[in-house]
Amino acid sequence: MKRLRILIADDHGLVRRGERTLLQARLGWRVVGEATNGREAVEKAIALKPDVAVIDIGMPELDGVEAARQIGEAVPGSKVLVLTMHESDQMVRRALDAGARGYLLKSDLTDTLIKAVKAVAEGKRYLPPKVSDIVLEGFLKARDQHQHVEQAGARTTPREIEIIRFLAEGKVNKEIAARLGISVRTVEAHRSKIMLKLGVHSLAELIHYAMRHGIAQVHGGEG
């Protein structure tokens, strides 16, 4: 493989030394700089323009996710690989959304660092099996929640659909009660039941549901 210039950033000196030892054992690879916080990582990436920046997420001053974002904007040629102890689908998504090309767990550092750096240097993405499983579980959980809402929507009564439409059109409870010939208290009861059934927690979410399912009259309905 061609000569590879690497920046490492971690606020723990022992971790940086371990990374340096692993990386420089690879022929042609060189650690050109080290940083102890996120802001320093961005500054050194701009100054040194490494091929790969290995960045810890939990650093002071600027976390690794924001550092990854800023490095991607300032030095697009530098590929960012994030390193963390966090086994969280949400954290993985944050890092990838920020432009990171790979996500490593510190518990797997010895086994995966070389493969991960090589992959991102070649323009690929790298998620070790454990992280891929975390992402998959998060996706499946979100899909199941979505299906639950869809199934709840299928059980919505005609009267509830009327109320959803009126709410989405901006009608207040008093107006809806007058339109349907029912009491305001009954409208409030229907509204609470609808939100519980659909798993939504705000009027904005209910409006989004109505528009997505063609229930809402986007131009405001009658008068």
Protein backbone atom coordinates (compact mmCIF):
# COMPACT_ATOMS: atom_id res chain seq x y z
CA MET A 1 0.00 0.00 0.00
CA LYS A 2 1.18 3.59 -0.66
CA ARG A 3 2.63 5.70 2.13
CA LEU A 4 -0.12 6.70 4.52
CA ARG A 5 -0.12 9.77 6.75
CA ILE A 6 -2.24 9.43 9.90
CA LEU A 7 -3.40 11.80 12.62
CA ILE A 8 -4.55 10.37 15.96
CA ALA A 9 -6.66 12.27 18.50
CA ASP A 10 -7.52 11.03 21.98
CA ASP A 11 -7.35 12.69 25.39
CA HIS A 12 -5.80 9.56 26.92
CA GLY A 13 -2.06 9.29 26.35
CA LEU A 14 -2.04 5.53 26.82
CA VAL A 15 -4.59 5.07 24.03
CA ARG A 16 -2.61 7.33 21.68
CA ARG A 17 0.57 5.38 22.36
CA GLY A 18 -1.22 2.11 21.68
CA GLU A 19 -2.61 3.42 18.41
CA ARG A 20 0.76 4.80 17.33
CA THR A 21 2.46 1.46 18.05
CA LEU A 22 -0.10 -0.49 16.04
CA LEU A 23 -0.18 1.91 13.10
CA GLN A 24 3.54 2.52 12.69
CA ALA A 25 4.24 -1.20 12.72
CA ARG A 26 2.65 -1.22 9.27
CA LEU A 27 5.22 -0.63 6.52
CA GLY A 28 4.78 2.76 4.88
CA TRP A 29 2.37 4.12 7.50
CA ARG A 30 3.36 7.12 9.60
CA VAL A 31 1.63 8.96 12.43
CA VAL A 32 2.26 12.59 11.49
CA GLY A 33 0.52 14.18 14.46
CA GLU A 34 -1.34 13.70 17.73
CA ALA A 35 -4.09 15.75 19.36
CA THR A 36 -5.48 15.69 22.89
CA ASN A 37 -8.86 17.36 22.24
CA GLY A 38 -11.29 17.91 19.40
CA ARG A 39 -10.33 21.50 18.63
CA GLU A 40 -6.66 20.57 18.40
CA ALA A 41 -7.60 17.65 16.14
CA VAL A 42 -9.28 20.02 13.68
CA GLU A 43 -6.36 22.46 13.76
CA LYS A 44 -3.79 19.71 13.18
CA ALA A 45 -5.86 18.13 10.42
CA ILE A 46 -5.95 21.49 8.61
CA ALA A 47 -2.20 21.99 9.10
CA LEU A 48 -1.03 18.43 8.35
CA LYS A 49 -3.70 17.23 5.89
CA PRO A 50 -3.44 13.55 6.90
CA ASP A 51 -4.86 10.79 4.72
CA VAL A 52 -6.71 9.37 7.75
CA ALA A 53 -7.66 10.94 11.07
CA VAL A 54 -8.44 8.51 13.91
CA ILE A 55 -10.55 10.47 16.39
CA ASP A 56 -12.01 9.58 19.77
CA ILE A 57 -15.63 10.71 20.19
CA GLY A 58 -15.46 11.62 23.88
CA MET A 59 -12.88 14.41 23.89
CA PRO A 60 -12.90 17.78 25.70
CA GLU A 61 -13.46 21.19 24.07
CA LEU A 62 -14.97 19.70 20.91
CA ASP A 63 -16.39 16.19 20.73
CA GLY A 64 -15.22 13.78 18.07
CA VAL A 65 -18.45 13.96 16.07
CA GLU A 66 -18.23 17.73 15.63
CA ALA A 67 -14.48 17.44 15.00
CA ALA A 68 -15.21 14.91 12.24
CA ARG A 69 -17.72 17.30 10.68
CA GLN A 70 -15.30 20.23 10.74
CA ILE A 71 -12.42 18.17 9.36
CA GLY A 72 -14.64 16.91 6.54
CA GLU A 73 -15.54 20.50 5.61
CA ALA A 74 -12.03 21.95 5.96
CA VAL A 75 -9.95 19.02 4.67
CA PRO A 76 -12.18 16.91 2.40
CA GLY A 77 -9.20 14.73 1.42
CA SER A 78 -8.81 13.47 5.00
CA LYS A 79 -10.90 10.41 5.86
CA VAL A 80 -12.16 10.28 9.46
CA LEU A 81 -12.38 7.11 11.51
CA VAL A 82 -14.03 7.52 14.92
CA LEU A 83 -13.07 5.50 17.95
CA THR A 84 -15.29 5.17 21.02
CA MET A 85 -16.57 3.06 23.90
CA HIS A 86 -20.21 3.90 23.05
CA GLU A 87 -22.23 0.94 21.73
CA SER A 88 -25.16 3.05 20.60
CA ASP A 89 -27.08 3.05 17.32
CA GLN A 90 -27.78 6.75 17.80
CA MET A 91 -24.08 7.53 18.28
CA VAL A 92 -23.11 5.51 15.20
CA ARG A 93 -25.66 7.42 13.13
CA ARG A 94 -24.43 10.77 14.47
CA ALA A 95 -20.86 9.92 13.54
CA LEU A 96 -21.73 8.71 10.04
CA ASP A 97 -23.97 11.72 9.44
CA ALA A 98 -21.04 13.93 10.41
CA GLY A 99 -18.96 12.36 7.63
CA ALA A 100 -17.01 9.66 9.47
CA ARG A 101 -16.05 6.78 7.18
CA GLY A 102 -15.74 4.22 9.95
CA TYR A 103 -16.72 3.56 13.55
CA LEU A 104 -14.61 1.46 15.92
CA LEU A 105 -15.15 0.32 19.48
CA LYS A 106 -12.15 0.70 21.78
CA SER A 107 -12.75 -2.83 23.01
CA ASP A 108 -11.93 -4.05 19.48
CA LEU A 109 -9.01 -1.67 18.87
CA THR A 110 -6.23 -4.24 18.63
CA ASP A 111 -8.13 -6.48 16.24
CA THR A 112 -9.72 -3.91 13.95
CA LEU A 113 -7.65 -0.71 13.80
CA ILE A 114 -5.37 -1.75 10.93
CA LYS A 115 -8.24 -3.13 8.82
CA ALA A 116 -10.35 -0.05 9.49
CA VAL A 117 -7.63 2.47 8.60
CA LYS A 118 -6.80 0.55 5.41
CA ALA A 119 -10.46 0.45 4.39
CA VAL A 120 -11.20 4.14 4.92
CA ALA A 121 -7.90 5.13 3.26
CA GLU A 122 -9.14 3.25 0.17
CA GLY A 123 -12.39 5.22 0.22
CA LYS A 124 -14.50 2.45 1.74
CA ARG A 125 -16.64 2.48 4.87
CA TYR A 126 -15.73 0.29 7.81
CA LEU A 127 -18.07 -0.98 10.52
CA PRO A 128 -16.94 -4.06 12.44
CA PRO A 129 -19.54 -6.85 12.85
CA LYS A 130 -20.53 -5.76 16.36
CA VAL A 131 -21.24 -2.19 15.22
CA SER A 132 -23.11 -3.44 12.13
CA ASP A 133 -25.33 -5.48 14.46
CA ILE A 134 -26.00 -2.38 16.59
CA VAL A 135 -27.04 -0.41 13.49
CA LEU A 136 -29.22 -3.28 12.25
CA GLU A 137 -30.96 -3.61 15.62
CA GLY A 138 -31.66 0.14 15.60
CA PHE A 139 -33.10 -0.08 12.08
CA LEU A 140 -35.32 -3.04 12.97
CA LYS A 141 -36.57 -1.31 16.13
CA ALA A 142 -37.46 1.83 14.14
CA ARG A 143 -39.19 -0.30 11.49
CA ASP A 144 -41.22 -2.14 14.14
CA GLN A 145 -42.30 1.15 15.70
CA HIS A 146 -43.33 2.45 12.27
CA GLN A 147 -45.32 -0.70 11.57
CA HIS A 148 -47.03 -0.36 14.96
CA VAL A 149 -48.16 3.15 14.04
CA GLU A 150 -49.33 1.97 10.60
CA GLN A 151 -51.34 -0.84 12.17
CA ALA A 152 -52.86 1.57 14.67
CA GLY A 153 -53.80 3.86 11.80
CA ALA A 154 -55.57 1.00 10.07
CA ARG A 155 -57.78 0.65 13.17
CA THR A 156 -58.71 4.34 13.22
CA THR A 157 -62.48 4.87 13.09
CA PRO A 158 -64.22 7.16 10.54
CA ARG A 159 -65.02 9.66 13.31
CA GLU A 160 -61.35 9.70 14.41
CA ILE A 161 -60.26 10.29 10.82
CA GLU A 162 -62.63 13.28 10.64
CA ILE A 163 -61.10 14.72 13.78
CA ILE A 164 -57.55 14.11 12.53
CA ARG A 165 -58.43 15.97 9.33
CA PHE A 166 -59.91 18.94 11.17
CA LEU A 167 -56.92 19.16 13.53
CA ALA A 168 -54.51 19.00 10.61
CA GLU A 169 -56.45 21.82 8.92
CA GLY A 170 -55.92 24.01 11.97
CA LYS A 171 -59.36 23.75 13.56
CA VAL A 172 -59.51 24.12 17.35
CA ASN A 173 -61.51 21.78 19.58
CA LYS A 174 -64.47 24.18 19.80
CA GLU A 175 -64.75 24.44 16.01
CA ILE A 176 -64.51 20.67 15.60
CA ALA A 177 -67.22 20.16 18.21
CA ALA A 178 -69.54 22.56 16.35
CA ARG A 179 -68.88 20.88 13.00
CA LEU A 180 -69.57 17.40 14.33
CA GLY A 181 -72.37 18.27 16.75
CA ILE A 182 -70.56 16.89 19.78
CA SER A 183 -69.21 18.43 22.97
CA VAL A 184 -65.73 19.94 23.32
CA ARG A 185 -65.00 17.38 26.02
CA THR A 186 -65.82 14.57 23.57
CA VAL A 187 -63.46 16.09 20.99
CA GLU A 188 -60.71 16.24 23.65
CA ALA A 189 -61.33 12.59 24.53
CA HIS A 190 -61.16 11.58 20.86
CA ARG A 191 -57.96 13.59 20.39
CA SER A 192 -56.23 11.93 23.36
CA LYS A 193 -57.31 8.48 22.17
CA ILE A 194 -56.11 9.18 18.61
CA MET A 195 -52.66 10.31 19.75
CA LEU A 196 -52.31 7.30 22.03
CA LYS A 197 -53.43 4.92 19.27
CA LEU A 198 -51.05 6.39 16.68
CA GLY A 199 -48.13 6.75 19.09
CA VAL A 200 -47.73 10.48 18.40
CA HIS A 201 -46.95 13.00 21.11
CA SER A 202 -47.66 16.40 19.57
CA LEU A 203 -49.99 18.14 17.15
CA ALA A 204 -47.07 18.53 14.73
CA GLU A 205 -46.58 14.74 14.62
CA LEU A 206 -50.31 14.24 14.12
CA ILE A 207 -50.31 16.71 11.20
CA HIS A 208 -47.36 14.90 9.66
CA TYR A 209 -49.25 11.61 9.96
CA ALA A 210 -52.36 13.15 8.36
CA MET A 211 -50.42 14.56 5.41
CA ARG A 212 -48.50 11.33 4.88
CA HIS A 213 -51.74 9.37 4.68
CA GLY A 214 -53.65 11.85 2.56
CA ILE A 215 -56.07 12.75 5.37
CA ALA A 216 -55.19 16.44 5.65
CA GLN A 217 -56.62 19.06 3.33
CA VAL A 218 -53.40 20.98 2.70
CA HIS A 219 -55.20 24.14 1.57
CA GLY A 220 -57.31 24.35 4.72
CA GLY A 221 -60.61 22.67 3.80
CA GLU A 222 -63.83 24.66 4.22
CA GLY A 223 -63.91 28.33 5.25
